[in-house]
């Protein structure tokens, strides 16, 4: 039996999906700079070491397993969203 699992989306991703499904996304105007996009994409990732509480690491690994991605990819995604301003500190 094949199950069509819909991925778990965070709030930002869910908002984008809803805008797309409602037809409220508009294409950008102007020329796309594919060379700049390619340069950014090809930048090498840097390795870092980080200490995390064991419980946090377990929770991250479980969440990544549910989402079907490697846990290091999940951690990198979270850090990228925070650095890019898409993920805000809770309050």
PDB file of N, CA and C in Angstrom:
ATOM      1  N   UNK A   1       0.833  -1.167   0.000  1.00  0.00           N
ATOM      2  CA  UNK A   1       0.000   0.000   0.000  1.00  0.00           C
ATOM      3  C   UNK A   1       0.888   1.244   0.000  1.00  0.00           C
ATOM      4  N   UNK A   2       0.604   2.196  -0.863  1.00  0.00           N
ATOM      5  CA  UNK A   2       1.382   3.427  -0.947  1.00  0.00           C
ATOM      6  C   UNK A   2       0.640   4.523  -0.201  1.00  0.00           C
ATOM      7  N   UNK A   3       1.369   5.206   0.666  1.00  0.00           N
ATOM      8  CA  UNK A   3       0.792   6.320   1.417  1.00  0.00           C
ATOM      9  C   UNK A   3       1.362   7.619   0.866  1.00  0.00           C
ATOM     10  N   UNK A   4       0.513   8.547   0.546  1.00  0.00           N
ATOM     11  CA  UNK A   4       0.965   9.864   0.114  1.00  0.00           C
ATOM     12  C   UNK A   4       1.058  10.756   1.337  1.00  0.00           C
ATOM     13  N   UNK A   5       2.253  10.815   1.912  1.00  0.00           N
ATOM     14  CA  UNK A   5       2.465  11.623   3.099  1.00  0.00           C
ATOM     15  C   UNK A   5       2.739  13.057   2.690  1.00  0.00           C
ATOM     16  N   UNK A   6       2.022  13.977   3.272  1.00  0.00           N
ATOM     17  CA  UNK A   6       2.292  15.389   3.050  1.00  0.00           C
ATOM     18  C   UNK A   6       3.348  15.798   4.072  1.00  0.00           C
ATOM     19  N   UNK A   7       4.402  16.477   3.639  1.00  0.00           N
ATOM     20  CA  UNK A   7       5.455  16.842   4.587  1.00  0.00           C
ATOM     21  C   UNK A   7       4.927  17.796   5.662  1.00  0.00           C
ATOM     22  N   UNK A   8       5.560  17.764   6.805  1.00  0.00           N
ATOM     23  CA  UNK A   8       5.202  18.672   7.888  1.00  0.00           C
ATOM     24  C   UNK A   8       5.806  20.031   7.557  1.00  0.00           C
ATOM     25  N   UNK A   9       4.973  21.053   7.525  1.00  0.00           N
ATOM     26  CA  UNK A   9       5.423  22.394   7.172  1.00  0.00           C
ATOM     27  C   UNK A   9       5.442  23.281   8.400  1.00  0.00           C
ATOM     28  N   UNK A  10       6.457  24.169   8.465  1.00  0.00           N
ATOM     29  CA  UNK A  10       6.432  25.154   9.547  1.00  0.00           C
ATOM     30  C   UNK A  10       5.484  26.284   9.144  1.00  0.00           C
ATOM     31  N   UNK A  11       5.287  27.238  10.013  1.00  0.00           N
ATOM     32  CA  UNK A  11       4.329  28.315   9.754  1.00  0.00           C
ATOM     33  C   UNK A  11       4.626  29.094   8.495  1.00  0.00           C
ATOM     34  N   UNK A  12       5.911  29.400   8.264  1.00  0.00           N
ATOM     35  CA  UNK A  12       6.308  30.161   7.078  1.00  0.00           C
ATOM     36  C   UNK A  12       6.019  29.367   5.803  1.00  0.00           C
ATOM     37  N   UNK A  13       6.385  28.095   5.806  1.00  0.00           N
ATOM     38  CA  UNK A  13       6.149  27.251   4.640  1.00  0.00           C
ATOM     39  C   UNK A  13       4.653  27.068   4.378  1.00  0.00           C
ATOM     40  N   UNK A  14       3.872  26.926   5.454  1.00  0.00           N
ATOM     41  CA  UNK A  14       2.424  26.776   5.319  1.00  0.00           C
ATOM     42  C   UNK A  14       1.811  28.035   4.709  1.00  0.00           C
ATOM     43  N   UNK A  15       2.306  29.205   5.132  1.00  0.00           N
ATOM     44  CA  UNK A  15       1.809  30.473   4.582  1.00  0.00           C
ATOM     45  C   UNK A  15       2.076  30.560   3.080  1.00  0.00           C
ATOM     46  N   UNK A  16       3.269  30.167   2.659  1.00  0.00           N
ATOM     47  CA  UNK A  16       3.613  30.184   1.232  1.00  0.00           C
ATOM     48  C   UNK A  16       2.698  29.236   0.464  1.00  0.00           C
ATOM     49  N   UNK A  17       2.482  28.036   0.996  1.00  0.00           N
ATOM     50  CA  UNK A  17       1.622  27.066   0.328  1.00  0.00           C
ATOM     51  C   UNK A  17       0.206  27.620   0.174  1.00  0.00           C
ATOM     52  N   UNK A  18      -0.317  28.225   1.231  1.00  0.00           N
ATOM     53  CA  UNK A  18      -1.674  28.779   1.168  1.00  0.00           C
ATOM     54  C   UNK A  18      -1.763  29.910   0.142  1.00  0.00           C
ATOM     55  N   UNK A  19      -0.748  30.777   0.105  1.00  0.00           N
ATOM     56  CA  UNK A  19      -0.738  31.853  -0.887  1.00  0.00           C
ATOM     57  C   UNK A  19      -0.710  31.285  -2.303  1.00  0.00           C
ATOM     58  N   UNK A  20       0.087  30.235  -2.502  1.00  0.00           N
ATOM     59  CA  UNK A  20       0.178  29.606  -3.818  1.00  0.00           C
ATOM     60  C   UNK A  20      -1.154  28.976  -4.212  1.00  0.00           C
ATOM     61  N   UNK A  21      -1.739  28.224  -3.285  1.00  0.00           N
ATOM     62  CA  UNK A  21      -2.997  27.540  -3.588  1.00  0.00           C
ATOM     63  C   UNK A  21      -4.141  28.517  -3.826  1.00  0.00           C
ATOM     64  N   UNK A  22      -4.085  29.689  -3.177  1.00  0.00           N
ATOM     65  CA  UNK A  22      -5.118  30.705  -3.371  1.00  0.00           C
ATOM     66  C   UNK A  22      -4.857  31.583  -4.593  1.00  0.00           C
ATOM     67  N   UNK A  23      -3.723  31.359  -5.263  1.00  0.00           N
ATOM     68  CA  UNK A  23      -3.382  32.156  -6.446  1.00  0.00           C
ATOM     69  C   UNK A  23      -2.945  33.574  -6.119  1.00  0.00           C
ATOM     70  N   UNK A  24      -2.478  33.793  -4.885  1.00  0.00           N
ATOM     71  CA  UNK A  24      -2.090  35.137  -4.477  1.00  0.00           C
ATOM     72  C   UNK A  24      -0.605  35.418  -4.616  1.00  0.00           C
ATOM     73  N   UNK A  25       0.179  34.459  -5.087  1.00  0.00           N
ATOM     74  CA  UNK A  25       1.598  34.713  -5.339  1.00  0.00           C
ATOM     75  C   UNK A  25       1.757  35.356  -6.709  1.00  0.00           C
ATOM     76  N   UNK A  26       2.567  36.378  -6.772  1.00  0.00           N
ATOM     77  CA  UNK A  26       2.807  37.090  -8.027  1.00  0.00           C
ATOM     78  C   UNK A  26       4.249  36.845  -8.470  1.00  0.00           C
ATOM     79  N   UNK A  27       4.475  36.645  -9.776  1.00  0.00           N
ATOM     80  CA  UNK A  27       5.858  36.468 -10.247  1.00  0.00           C
ATOM     81  C   UNK A  27       6.645  37.761 -10.061  1.00  0.00           C
ATOM     82  N   UNK A  28       7.918  37.613  -9.844  1.00  0.00           N
ATOM     83  CA  UNK A  28       8.773  38.793  -9.713  1.00  0.00           C
ATOM     84  C   UNK A  28       9.030  39.396 -11.076  1.00  0.00           C
ATOM     85  N   UNK A  29       9.211  40.686 -11.087  1.00  0.00           N
ATOM     86  CA  UNK A  29       9.507  41.353 -12.351  1.00  0.00           C
ATOM     87  C   UNK A  29      11.008  41.556 -12.455  1.00  0.00           C
ATOM     88  N   UNK A  30      11.470  41.785 -13.657  1.00  0.00           N
ATOM     89  CA  UNK A  30      12.896  42.013 -13.861  1.00  0.00           C
ATOM     90  C   UNK A  30      13.620  40.752 -14.272  1.00  0.00           C
ATOM     91  N   UNK A  31      14.894  40.934 -14.522  1.00  0.00           N
ATOM     92  CA  UNK A  31      15.741  39.841 -14.985  1.00  0.00           C
ATOM     93  C   UNK A  31      16.295  39.059 -13.802  1.00  0.00           C
ATOM     94  N   UNK A  32      16.337  37.767 -13.936  1.00  0.00           N
ATOM     95  CA  UNK A  32      16.915  36.918 -12.896  1.00  0.00           C
ATOM     96  C   UNK A  32      18.408  36.777 -13.149  1.00  0.00           C
ATOM     97  N   UNK A  33      19.196  36.999 -12.106  1.00  0.00           N
ATOM     98  CA  UNK A  33      20.644  36.895 -12.221  1.00  0.00           C
ATOM     99  C   UNK A  33      21.057  35.461 -11.860  1.00  0.00           C
ATOM    100  N   UNK A  34      21.031  34.590 -12.864  1.00  0.00           N
ATOM    101  CA  UNK A  34      21.324  33.174 -12.629  1.00  0.00           C
ATOM    102  C   UNK A  34      22.778  32.944 -12.241  1.00  0.00           C
ATOM    103  N   UNK A  35      23.682  33.792 -12.714  1.00  0.00           N
ATOM    104  CA  UNK A  35      25.089  33.634 -12.341  1.00  0.00           C
ATOM    105  C   UNK A  35      25.275  33.876 -10.847  1.00  0.00           C
ATOM    106  N   UNK A  36      24.622  34.899 -10.318  1.00  0.00           N
ATOM    107  CA  UNK A  36      24.729  35.177  -8.883  1.00  0.00           C
ATOM    108  C   UNK A  36      24.113  34.046  -8.070  1.00  0.00           C
ATOM    109  N   UNK A  37      22.992  33.525  -8.546  1.00  0.00           N
ATOM    110  CA  UNK A  37      22.344  32.408  -7.858  1.00  0.00           C
ATOM    111  C   UNK A  37      23.272  31.195  -7.852  1.00  0.00           C
ATOM    112  N   UNK A  38      23.895  30.915  -8.986  1.00  0.00           N
ATOM    113  CA  UNK A  38      24.809  29.771  -9.087  1.00  0.00           C
ATOM    114  C   UNK A  38      26.013  29.950  -8.159  1.00  0.00           C
ATOM    115  N   UNK A  39      26.577  31.161  -8.112  1.00  0.00           N
ATOM    116  CA  UNK A  39      27.724  31.409  -7.233  1.00  0.00           C
ATOM    117  C   UNK A  39      27.344  31.173  -5.773  1.00  0.00           C
ATOM    118  N   UNK A  40      26.199  31.665  -5.381  1.00  0.00           N
ATOM    119  CA  UNK A  40      25.741  31.491  -4.003  1.00  0.00           C
ATOM    120  C   UNK A  40      25.504  30.022  -3.688  1.00  0.00           C
ATOM    121  N   UNK A  41      24.903  29.309  -4.630  1.00  0.00           N
ATOM    122  CA  UNK A  41      24.597  27.896  -4.431  1.00  0.00           C
ATOM    123  C   UNK A  41      25.861  27.070  -4.293  1.00  0.00           C
ATOM    124  N   UNK A  42      26.898  27.429  -5.024  1.00  0.00           N
ATOM    125  CA  UNK A  42      28.118  26.628  -5.042  1.00  0.00           C
ATOM    126  C   UNK A  42      29.084  26.953  -3.912  1.00  0.00           C
ATOM    127  N   UNK A  43      28.764  27.930  -3.075  1.00  0.00           N
ATOM    128  CA  UNK A  43      29.643  28.230  -1.947  1.00  0.00           C
ATOM    129  C   UNK A  43      29.756  27.005  -1.062  1.00  0.00           C
ATOM    130  N   UNK A  44      30.958  26.760  -0.599  1.00  0.00           N
ATOM    131  CA  UNK A  44      31.181  25.586   0.237  1.00  0.00           C
ATOM    132  C   UNK A  44      30.626  25.794   1.631  1.00  0.00           C
ATOM    133  N   UNK A  45      30.083  24.730   2.181  1.00  0.00           N
ATOM    134  CA  UNK A  45      29.635  24.751   3.566  1.00  0.00           C
ATOM    135  C   UNK A  45      30.847  24.598   4.462  1.00  0.00           C
ATOM    136  N   UNK A  46      30.771  25.171   5.641  1.00  0.00           N
ATOM    137  CA  UNK A  46      31.859  25.050   6.600  1.00  0.00           C
ATOM    138  C   UNK A  46      31.420  24.137   7.723  1.00  0.00           C
ATOM    139  N   UNK A  47      32.339  23.344   8.181  1.00  0.00           N
ATOM    140  CA  UNK A  47      32.058  22.448   9.300  1.00  0.00           C
ATOM    141  C   UNK A  47      32.242  23.217  10.604  1.00  0.00           C
ATOM    142  N   UNK A  48      31.356  22.923  11.564  1.00  0.00           N
ATOM    143  CA  UNK A  48      31.489  23.483  12.903  1.00  0.00           C
ATOM    144  C   UNK A  48      31.230  22.379  13.909  1.00  0.00           C
ATOM    145  N   UNK A  49      31.707  22.595  15.107  1.00  0.00           N
ATOM    146  CA  UNK A  49      31.394  21.707  16.224  1.00  0.00           C
ATOM    147  C   UNK A  49      30.519  22.487  17.180  1.00  0.00           C
ATOM    148  N   UNK A  50      29.516  21.840  17.716  1.00  0.00           N
ATOM    149  CA  UNK A  50      28.603  22.496  18.640  1.00  0.00           C
ATOM    150  C   UNK A  50      28.207  21.506  19.722  1.00  0.00           C
ATOM    151  N   UNK A  51      28.092  21.995  20.933  1.00  0.00           N
ATOM    152  CA  UNK A  51      27.661  21.157  22.041  1.00  0.00           C
ATOM    153  C   UNK A  51      26.182  21.436  22.293  1.00  0.00           C
ATOM    154  N   UNK A  52      25.400  20.370  22.342  1.00  0.00           N
ATOM    155  CA  UNK A  52      23.969  20.464  22.595  1.00  0.00           C
ATOM    156  C   UNK A  52      23.612  19.538  23.751  1.00  0.00           C
ATOM    157  N   UNK A  53      22.612  19.921  24.517  1.00  0.00           N
ATOM    158  CA  UNK A  53      22.125  18.971  25.526  1.00  0.00           C
ATOM    159  C   UNK A  53      21.627  17.699  24.829  1.00  0.00           C
ATOM    160  N   UNK A  54      21.879  16.563  25.443  1.00  0.00           N
ATOM    161  CA  UNK A  54      21.512  15.270  24.854  1.00  0.00           C
ATOM    162  C   UNK A  54      20.030  15.207  24.495  1.00  0.00           C
ATOM    163  N   UNK A  55      19.168  15.746  25.371  1.00  0.00           N
ATOM    164  CA  UNK A  55      17.729  15.710  25.104  1.00  0.00           C
ATOM    165  C   UNK A  55      17.360  16.509  23.854  1.00  0.00           C
ATOM    166  N   UNK A  56      18.031  17.654  23.639  1.00  0.00           N
ATOM    167  CA  UNK A  56      17.764  18.451  22.442  1.00  0.00           C
ATOM    168  C   UNK A  56      18.188  17.702  21.186  1.00  0.00           C
ATOM    169  N   UNK A  57      19.348  17.053  21.251  1.00  0.00           N
ATOM    170  CA  UNK A  57      19.826  16.297  20.093  1.00  0.00           C
ATOM    171  C   UNK A  57      18.881  15.140  19.773  1.00  0.00           C
ATOM    172  N   UNK A  58      18.413  14.460  20.784  1.00  0.00           N
ATOM    173  CA  UNK A  58      17.461  13.358  20.569  1.00  0.00           C
ATOM    174  C   UNK A  58      16.188  13.891  19.920  1.00  0.00           C
ATOM    175  N   UNK A  59      15.680  15.003  20.443  1.00  0.00           N
ATOM    176  CA  UNK A  59      14.457  15.595  19.890  1.00  0.00           C
ATOM    177  C   UNK A  59      14.665  16.026  18.429  1.00  0.00           C
ATOM    178  N   UNK A  60      15.820  16.604  18.116  1.00  0.00           N
ATOM    179  CA  UNK A  60      16.113  17.008  16.740  1.00  0.00           C
ATOM    180  C   UNK A  60      16.187  15.796  15.818  1.00  0.00           C
ATOM    181  N   UNK A  61      16.819  14.733  16.278  1.00  0.00           N
ATOM    182  CA  UNK A  61      16.915  13.521  15.463  1.00  0.00           C
ATOM    183  C   UNK A  61      15.537  12.916  15.220  1.00  0.00           C
ATOM    184  N   UNK A  62      14.682  12.926  16.240  1.00  0.00           N
ATOM    185  CA  UNK A  62      13.326  12.395  16.078  1.00  0.00           C
ATOM    186  C   UNK A  62      12.525  13.242  15.097  1.00  0.00           C
ATOM    187  N   UNK A  63      12.635  14.550  15.213  1.00  0.00           N
ATOM    188  CA  UNK A  63      11.909  15.457  14.301  1.00  0.00           C
ATOM    189  C   UNK A  63      12.395  15.262  12.868  1.00  0.00           C
ATOM    190  N   UNK A  64      13.699  15.149  12.692  1.00  0.00           N
ATOM    191  CA  UNK A  64      14.264  14.936  11.353  1.00  0.00           C
ATOM    192  C   UNK A  64      13.788  13.605  10.776  1.00  0.00           C
ATOM    193  N   UNK A  65      13.738  12.586  11.595  1.00  0.00           N
ATOM    194  CA  UNK A  65      13.268  11.275  11.128  1.00  0.00           C
ATOM    195  C   UNK A  65      11.812  11.361  10.685  1.00  0.00           C
ATOM    196  N   UNK A  66      10.973  12.069  11.455  1.00  0.00           N
ATOM    197  CA  UNK A  66       9.568  12.259  11.060  1.00  0.00           C
ATOM    198  C   UNK A  66       9.450  13.011   9.742  1.00  0.00           C
ATOM    199  N   UNK A  67      10.340  13.996   9.530  1.00  0.00           N
ATOM    200  CA  UNK A  67      10.310  14.797   8.307  1.00  0.00           C
ATOM    201  C   UNK A  67      11.015  14.105   7.138  1.00  0.00           C
ATOM    202  N   UNK A  68      11.726  13.002   7.437  1.00  0.00           N
ATOM    203  CA  UNK A  68      12.412  12.252   6.387  1.00  0.00           C
ATOM    204  C   UNK A  68      13.673  12.918   5.880  1.00  0.00           C
ATOM    205  N   UNK A  69      14.366  13.657   6.762  1.00  0.00           N
ATOM    206  CA  UNK A  69      15.611  14.318   6.364  1.00  0.00           C
ATOM    207  C   UNK A  69      16.689  14.004   7.394  1.00  0.00           C
ATOM    208  N   UNK A  70      17.965  14.128   7.016  1.00  0.00           N
ATOM    209  CA  UNK A  70      19.042  13.932   7.994  1.00  0.00           C
ATOM    210  C   UNK A  70      18.980  15.017   9.076  1.00  0.00           C
ATOM    211  N   UNK A  71      19.331  14.668  10.297  1.00  0.00           N
ATOM    212  CA  UNK A  71      19.224  15.627  11.395  1.00  0.00           C
ATOM    213  C   UNK A  71      20.157  16.814  11.211  1.00  0.00           C
ATOM    214  N   UNK A  72      21.328  16.614  10.599  1.00  0.00           N
ATOM    215  CA  UNK A  72      22.242  17.734  10.371  1.00  0.00           C
ATOM    216  C   UNK A  72      21.654  18.714   9.357  1.00  0.00           C
ATOM    217  N   UNK A  73      20.895  18.199   8.389  1.00  0.00           N
ATOM    218  CA  UNK A  73      20.217  19.065   7.429  1.00  0.00           C
ATOM    219  C   UNK A  73      19.149  19.895   8.144  1.00  0.00           C
ATOM    220  N   UNK A  74      18.418  19.276   9.053  1.00  0.00           N
ATOM    221  CA  UNK A  74      17.409  19.987   9.826  1.00  0.00           C
ATOM    222  C   UNK A  74      18.054  21.099  10.654  1.00  0.00           C
ATOM    223  N   UNK A  75      19.131  20.799  11.344  1.00  0.00           N
ATOM    224  CA  UNK A  75      19.810  21.801  12.163  1.00  0.00           C
ATOM    225  C   UNK A  75      20.308  22.944  11.287  1.00  0.00           C
ATOM    226  N   UNK A  76      20.899  22.611  10.137  1.00  0.00           N
ATOM    227  CA  UNK A  76      21.370  23.644   9.217  1.00  0.00           C
ATOM    228  C   UNK A  76      20.228  24.512   8.718  1.00  0.00           C
ATOM    229  N   UNK A  77      19.085  23.896   8.441  1.00  0.00           N
ATOM    230  CA  UNK A  77      17.910  24.631   7.973  1.00  0.00           C
ATOM    231  C   UNK A  77      17.405  25.597   9.044  1.00  0.00           C
ATOM    232  N   UNK A  78      17.357  25.132  10.279  1.00  0.00           N
ATOM    233  CA  UNK A  78      16.916  25.985  11.387  1.00  0.00           C
ATOM    234  C   UNK A  78      17.853  27.180  11.536  1.00  0.00           C
ATOM    235  N   UNK A  79      19.145  26.925  11.502  1.00  0.00           N
ATOM    236  CA  UNK A  79      20.112  28.013  11.636  1.00  0.00           C
ATOM    237  C   UNK A  79      20.020  28.993  10.469  1.00  0.00           C
ATOM    238  N   UNK A  80      19.821  28.461   9.262  1.00  0.00           N
ATOM    239  CA  UNK A  80      19.684  29.327   8.083  1.00  0.00           C
ATOM    240  C   UNK A  80      18.443  30.213   8.203  1.00  0.00           C
ATOM    241  N   UNK A  81      17.323  29.629   8.609  1.00  0.00           N
ATOM    242  CA  UNK A  81      16.091  30.412   8.765  1.00  0.00           C
ATOM    243  C   UNK A  81      16.281  31.508   9.806  1.00  0.00           C
ATOM    244  N   UNK A  82      16.954  31.201  10.901  1.00  0.00           N
ATOM    245  CA  UNK A  82      17.183  32.201  11.941  1.00  0.00           C
ATOM    246  C   UNK A  82      18.099  33.307  11.424  1.00  0.00           C
ATOM    247  N   UNK A  83      19.200  32.919  10.767  1.00  0.00           N
ATOM    248  CA  UNK A  83      20.149  33.904  10.244  1.00  0.00           C
ATOM    249  C   UNK A  83      19.522  34.776   9.168  1.00  0.00           C
ATOM    250  N   UNK A  84      18.568  34.232   8.414  1.00  0.00           N
ATOM    251  CA  UNK A  84      17.915  34.964   7.331  1.00  0.00           C
ATOM    252  C   UNK A  84      16.734  35.795   7.817  1.00  0.00           C
ATOM    253  N   UNK A  85      16.385  35.677   9.095  1.00  0.00           N
ATOM    254  CA  UNK A  85      15.292  36.458   9.646  1.00  0.00           C
ATOM    255  C   UNK A  85      13.928  35.827   9.490  1.00  0.00           C
ATOM    256  N   UNK A  86      13.856  34.584   8.986  1.00  0.00           N
ATOM    257  CA  UNK A  86      12.582  33.914   8.823  1.00  0.00           C
ATOM    258  C   UNK A  86      12.124  33.197  10.092  1.00  0.00           C
ATOM    259  N   UNK A  87      13.041  32.959  10.990  1.00  0.00           N
ATOM    260  CA  UNK A  87      12.727  32.299  12.250  1.00  0.00           C
ATOM    261  C   UNK A  87      13.064  33.287  13.358  1.00  0.00           C
ATOM    262  N   UNK A  88      12.087  33.648  14.122  1.00  0.00           N
ATOM    263  CA  UNK A  88      12.280  34.648  15.191  1.00  0.00           C
ATOM    264  C   UNK A  88      12.385  33.959  16.536  1.00  0.00           C
ATOM    265  N   UNK A  89      13.066  34.618  17.453  1.00  0.00           N
ATOM    266  CA  UNK A  89      13.187  34.126  18.813  1.00  0.00           C
ATOM    267  C   UNK A  89      11.817  34.138  19.471  1.00  0.00           C
ATOM    268  N   UNK A  90      11.477  33.054  20.152  1.00  0.00           N
ATOM    269  CA  UNK A  90      10.181  32.972  20.822  1.00  0.00           C
ATOM    270  C   UNK A  90      10.129  33.903  22.030  1.00  0.00           C
ATOM    271  N   UNK A  91       8.935  34.278  22.382  1.00  0.00           N
ATOM    272  CA  UNK A  91       8.856  35.199  23.517  1.00  0.00           C
ATOM    273  C   UNK A  91       7.612  35.026  24.307  1.00  0.00           C
TER     274      UNK A  91
END
